[in-house]
Amino acid sequence: MRLLLVRAPLLCEDLEASLLLAGATVWVRSPVELSESNLTLAKSNSVRTVLSINHSPELALLCSVVGLRYLSWTIDPLPHRRWNILPGTKLDDTYLFVHRKILVDPLQRMGYRHVEWMPLACASRRLSNQVSAGSRTGSALFVGSSLEDERGILIDALRRWGLSETLPGMDQMLQGLARACLWDRSFFGFLRQPQAIPASLREAVPQVKPEDLAEALDAGLAWHFRRELVKQLSVSGCEVKGDGGWKSLAGSR
């Protein structure tokens, strides 16, 4: 089996190692190398499949044009702009795997024929060293992303819609909702419950699709929710590590 693996941060090396162990021949290429001519060259060298992290309708179409099978494994929230099928895409040769099970049904309803849930897990080769069974003497440890990218999604959306001045009020609303969600997990986000989008916001930007509004609000809510949760962990004595997004809450401990 020969396949082309699109280079991606974090997972590329683990995927390549697993595929090589499975007996595959792997070509690793960066996204800027995914031209029609380069994919045609790969096909002439017996490559039959392109595998990418996070689904791209454009890449699916390009593979269809060249005559290659396309596989994607989506581990991040799939932006609403990628919830589409471009004309000319060969759906029989397009396979979507998703980390979030909630994506399976909507992608199938769109018309994708091969959609499966595949959870994200630690690569087995990361556990090759012996793990000590001794007890920790330090405080509990939390390491994670601060979702600064999601914060940017909300801020950029408000700027595009001419609503930058509403950010303080938006933050107040989302922070209150995030605090409630710490104890009541019945709200699954604005994309799943679009009726929760404030009517005043929908009226302020009638040109914006409800799905785009929901995506921006969900990004802002996720940022606030994570911060509220980590704030509690920090106050309880948990050691917090990660990127700069945590420093205003936990300092540089």
Protein backbone atom coordinates (compact mmCIF):
# COMPACT_ATOMS: atom_id res chain seq x y z
CA MET A 1 0.00 0.00 0.00
CA ARG A 2 1.36 3.40 -0.99
CA LEU A 3 -0.15 6.60 0.34
CA LEU A 4 0.58 10.30 0.64
CA LEU A 5 0.37 11.74 4.17
CA VAL A 6 -0.17 15.48 4.43
CA ARG A 7 2.22 16.93 6.98
CA ALA A 8 0.40 18.15 10.10
CA PRO A 9 1.56 19.41 13.50
CA LEU A 10 1.65 17.01 16.46
CA LEU A 11 0.29 13.86 14.79
CA CYS A 12 2.25 13.44 11.58
CA GLU A 13 5.21 11.53 13.03
CA ASP A 14 3.00 9.16 15.02
CA LEU A 15 0.78 8.46 12.02
CA GLU A 16 3.75 7.88 9.76
CA ALA A 17 5.30 5.46 12.26
CA SER A 18 2.05 3.51 12.61
CA LEU A 19 1.54 3.33 8.86
CA LEU A 20 5.11 2.13 8.29
CA LEU A 21 4.64 -0.56 10.92
CA ALA A 22 1.51 -1.65 9.07
CA GLY A 23 3.62 -2.18 5.94
CA ALA A 24 2.65 0.95 4.03
CA THR A 25 4.95 3.04 1.86
CA VAL A 26 4.43 6.65 2.97
CA TRP A 27 5.13 9.87 1.11
CA VAL A 28 4.97 12.88 3.46
CA ARG A 29 4.19 16.19 1.78
CA SER A 30 3.45 19.66 3.14
CA PRO A 31 0.14 21.36 2.27
CA VAL A 32 1.86 23.77 -0.15
CA GLU A 33 2.96 20.77 -2.23
CA LEU A 34 -0.59 19.57 -2.88
CA SER A 35 -0.88 20.73 -6.47
CA GLU A 36 -2.60 18.78 -9.23
CA SER A 37 0.75 18.11 -10.89
CA ASN A 38 2.37 16.81 -7.70
CA LEU A 39 -0.58 14.54 -6.92
CA THR A 40 -0.51 13.27 -10.51
CA LEU A 41 3.21 12.51 -10.05
CA ALA A 42 2.44 10.64 -6.84
CA LYS A 43 -0.21 8.61 -8.65
CA SER A 44 2.28 7.71 -11.38
CA ASN A 45 4.48 6.31 -8.59
CA SER A 46 1.68 3.98 -7.45
CA VAL A 47 0.30 6.21 -4.67
CA ARG A 48 -3.42 5.49 -4.43
CA THR A 49 -4.54 7.36 -1.30
CA VAL A 50 -4.11 10.82 0.26
CA LEU A 51 -4.52 11.09 4.05
CA SER A 52 -4.90 14.44 5.81
CA ILE A 53 -5.60 15.60 9.35
CA ASN A 54 -8.81 17.67 9.47
CA HIS A 55 -11.17 17.47 6.52
CA SER A 56 -10.70 19.71 3.49
CA PRO A 57 -13.44 19.76 0.80
CA GLU A 58 -10.93 21.36 -1.58
CA LEU A 59 -8.44 18.54 -1.14
CA ALA A 60 -11.24 15.97 -1.53
CA LEU A 61 -12.13 17.55 -4.89
CA LEU A 62 -8.49 17.71 -5.99
CA CYS A 63 -8.05 14.00 -5.23
CA SER A 64 -11.20 13.24 -7.23
CA VAL A 65 -9.85 15.20 -10.21
CA VAL A 66 -6.54 13.34 -10.10
CA GLY A 67 -8.14 9.96 -9.44
CA LEU A 68 -6.92 9.30 -5.90
CA ARG A 69 -8.79 8.06 -2.85
CA TYR A 70 -9.09 10.74 -0.12
CA LEU A 71 -9.12 10.01 3.62
CA SER A 72 -9.38 12.64 6.35
CA TRP A 73 -9.26 12.31 10.13
CA THR A 74 -10.79 15.36 11.80
CA ILE A 75 -9.60 15.90 15.37
CA ASP A 76 -10.41 19.62 15.73
CA PRO A 77 -13.83 21.27 15.59
CA LEU A 78 -14.71 21.34 11.89
CA PRO A 79 -15.21 24.99 10.83
CA HIS A 80 -18.63 25.65 9.34
CA ARG A 81 -17.04 26.77 6.06
CA ARG A 82 -15.83 23.18 5.59
CA TRP A 83 -19.31 21.70 6.00
CA ASN A 84 -19.82 21.29 2.27
CA ILE A 85 -19.24 19.05 -0.71
CA LEU A 86 -17.71 20.68 -3.78
CA PRO A 87 -19.24 19.71 -7.15
CA GLY A 88 -17.18 17.02 -8.85
CA THR A 89 -16.11 15.28 -5.63
CA LYS A 90 -16.29 11.49 -6.02
CA LEU A 91 -18.04 10.48 -2.81
CA ASP A 92 -17.36 6.77 -3.26
CA ASP A 93 -13.64 7.56 -2.97
CA THR A 94 -13.94 10.04 -0.09
CA TYR A 95 -13.67 8.69 3.47
CA LEU A 96 -14.13 10.81 6.59
CA PHE A 97 -13.07 9.76 10.09
CA VAL A 98 -13.95 12.10 12.95
CA HIS A 99 -12.77 12.35 16.55
CA ARG A 100 -16.06 13.94 17.64
CA LYS A 101 -18.90 11.46 17.31
CA ILE A 102 -21.39 14.33 17.04
CA LEU A 103 -20.06 15.07 13.52
CA VAL A 104 -21.02 11.69 12.07
CA ASP A 105 -24.75 12.33 11.53
CA PRO A 106 -24.56 15.85 10.01
CA LEU A 107 -21.78 14.82 7.61
CA GLN A 108 -23.80 11.81 6.49
CA ARG A 109 -26.90 13.97 6.03
CA MET A 110 -24.84 16.29 3.80
CA GLY A 111 -24.27 13.38 1.44
CA TYR A 112 -20.91 11.91 2.45
CA ARG A 113 -21.21 8.14 2.10
CA HIS A 114 -18.27 7.01 4.24
CA VAL A 115 -18.20 8.67 7.67
CA GLU A 116 -16.97 6.88 10.80
CA TRP A 117 -16.14 7.80 14.37
CA MET A 118 -12.48 7.26 15.27
CA PRO A 119 -11.48 8.58 18.73
CA LEU A 120 -8.14 10.17 19.37
CA ALA A 121 -5.75 8.14 21.51
CA CYS A 122 -2.14 8.20 22.61
CA ALA A 123 0.26 6.51 20.20
CA SER A 124 1.46 3.20 21.63
CA ARG A 125 5.09 4.09 20.94
CA ARG A 126 4.84 6.91 23.50
CA LEU A 127 4.43 4.28 26.22
CA SER A 128 7.55 2.28 25.35
CA ASN A 129 9.43 3.34 28.49
CA GLN A 130 8.63 1.84 31.86
CA VAL A 131 6.22 3.94 33.93
CA SER A 132 7.02 4.28 37.61
CA ALA A 133 4.29 3.12 39.99
CA GLY A 134 5.58 5.35 42.78
CA SER A 135 3.29 7.98 44.25
CA ARG A 136 3.65 11.63 43.27
CA THR A 137 4.99 13.89 45.96
CA GLY A 138 4.01 17.16 44.28
CA SER A 139 0.65 18.73 43.65
CA ALA A 140 -1.75 17.52 40.97
CA LEU A 141 -0.75 18.68 37.49
CA PHE A 142 -2.89 20.09 34.67
CA VAL A 143 -1.42 20.58 31.19
CA GLY A 144 -3.55 21.75 28.28
CA SER A 145 -4.35 24.25 25.59
CA SER A 146 -5.77 27.59 26.67
CA LEU A 147 -7.89 27.85 23.50
CA GLU A 148 -6.39 31.19 22.51
CA ASP A 149 -7.20 30.35 18.88
CA GLU A 150 -10.87 30.03 19.80
CA ARG A 151 -10.70 33.42 21.51
CA GLY A 152 -9.44 34.84 18.23
CA ILE A 153 -12.36 33.30 16.32
CA LEU A 154 -14.88 35.28 18.40
CA ILE A 155 -12.92 38.55 18.30
CA ASP A 156 -12.29 38.33 14.53
CA ALA A 157 -15.94 37.51 13.83
CA LEU A 158 -17.19 40.51 15.81
CA ARG A 159 -14.71 42.72 13.96
CA ARG A 160 -15.90 41.45 10.55
CA TRP A 161 -19.51 42.04 11.50
CA GLY A 162 -18.85 45.55 12.79
CA LEU A 163 -19.65 44.58 16.38
CA SER A 164 -16.26 44.94 18.07
CA GLU A 165 -17.72 47.33 20.64
CA THR A 166 -20.03 44.55 21.88
CA LEU A 167 -17.13 42.34 23.06
CA PRO A 168 -17.38 43.35 26.77
CA GLY A 169 -21.09 42.57 26.86
CA MET A 170 -20.56 39.36 24.89
CA ASP A 171 -17.86 38.30 27.33
CA GLN A 172 -20.16 38.95 30.27
CA MET A 173 -22.88 36.78 28.74
CA LEU A 174 -20.53 33.95 27.75
CA GLN A 175 -18.70 33.96 31.08
CA GLY A 176 -22.00 33.68 32.96
CA LEU A 177 -23.04 30.79 30.73
CA ALA A 178 -19.64 29.12 31.16
CA ARG A 179 -19.98 29.27 34.94
CA ALA A 180 -23.42 27.71 34.74
CA CYS A 181 -22.10 24.98 32.43
CA LEU A 182 -19.54 23.94 35.07
CA TRP A 183 -22.41 22.44 37.05
CA ASP A 184 -25.17 21.95 34.49
CA ARG A 185 -23.98 20.06 31.40
CA SER A 186 -27.35 20.13 29.61
CA PHE A 187 -26.27 22.88 27.18
CA PHE A 188 -24.27 21.51 24.25
CA GLY A 189 -23.46 24.75 22.48
CA PHE A 190 -25.11 27.17 20.10
CA LEU A 191 -24.40 25.09 17.00
CA ARG A 192 -26.45 22.22 18.41
CA GLN A 193 -29.03 24.53 19.98
CA PRO A 194 -29.25 27.53 17.60
CA GLN A 195 -32.48 28.68 19.27
CA ALA A 196 -30.26 29.84 22.17
CA ILE A 197 -28.64 32.56 20.01
CA PRO A 198 -29.88 35.92 21.36
CA ALA A 199 -32.53 37.40 19.08
CA SER A 200 -30.91 40.83 19.37
CA LEU A 201 -27.66 39.42 17.95
CA ARG A 202 -29.43 37.75 15.03
CA GLU A 203 -31.21 41.03 14.28
CA ALA A 204 -27.98 43.03 14.48
CA VAL A 205 -26.31 40.98 11.74
CA PRO A 206 -29.10 39.64 9.49
CA GLN A 207 -26.57 39.00 6.72
CA VAL A 208 -24.68 36.44 8.84
CA LYS A 209 -25.77 32.80 8.67
CA PRO A 210 -27.01 31.37 11.99
CA GLU A 211 -24.39 28.62 11.72
CA ASP A 212 -21.59 31.21 11.54
CA LEU A 213 -23.01 33.06 14.54
CA ALA A 214 -23.20 29.81 16.47
CA GLU A 215 -19.63 28.86 15.58
CA ALA A 216 -18.24 32.17 16.86
CA LEU A 217 -20.29 32.01 20.06
CA ASP A 218 -19.25 28.42 20.72
CA ALA A 219 -15.59 29.37 20.31
CA GLY A 220 -15.98 32.21 22.80
CA LEU A 221 -17.90 29.98 25.21
CA ALA A 222 -15.25 27.25 25.06
CA TRP A 223 -12.55 29.79 25.95
CA HIS A 224 -14.49 31.08 28.95
CA PHE A 225 -15.49 27.57 30.09
CA ARG A 226 -11.89 26.32 30.06
CA ARG A 227 -10.69 29.37 31.97
CA GLU A 228 -13.35 28.99 34.64
CA LEU A 229 -12.45 25.33 35.06
CA VAL A 230 -8.71 25.96 35.26
CA LYS A 231 -9.29 28.82 37.69
CA GLN A 232 -10.89 26.33 40.07
CA LEU A 233 -8.05 23.86 39.59
CA SER A 234 -5.46 26.54 40.30
CA VAL A 235 -7.22 27.78 43.45
CA SER A 236 -7.39 24.20 44.74
CA GLY A 237 -3.60 23.88 44.49
CA CYS A 238 -3.28 22.14 41.15
CA GLU A 239 -0.12 23.00 39.21
CA VAL A 240 -1.05 24.48 35.83
CA LYS A 241 1.21 24.32 32.79
CA GLY A 242 0.59 25.28 29.18
CA ASP A 243 0.82 28.28 26.89
CA GLY A 244 0.54 31.96 27.71
CA GLY A 245 -3.23 31.84 27.94
CA TRP A 246 -3.03 30.53 31.51
CA LYS A 247 -0.69 33.12 32.98
CA SER A 248 -3.40 35.63 33.88
CA LEU A 249 -5.11 32.89 35.91
CA ALA A 250 -2.33 30.74 37.33
CA GLY A 251 0.81 32.80 36.88
CA SER A 252 4.01 31.13 35.73
CA ARG A 253 4.14 28.33 38.26
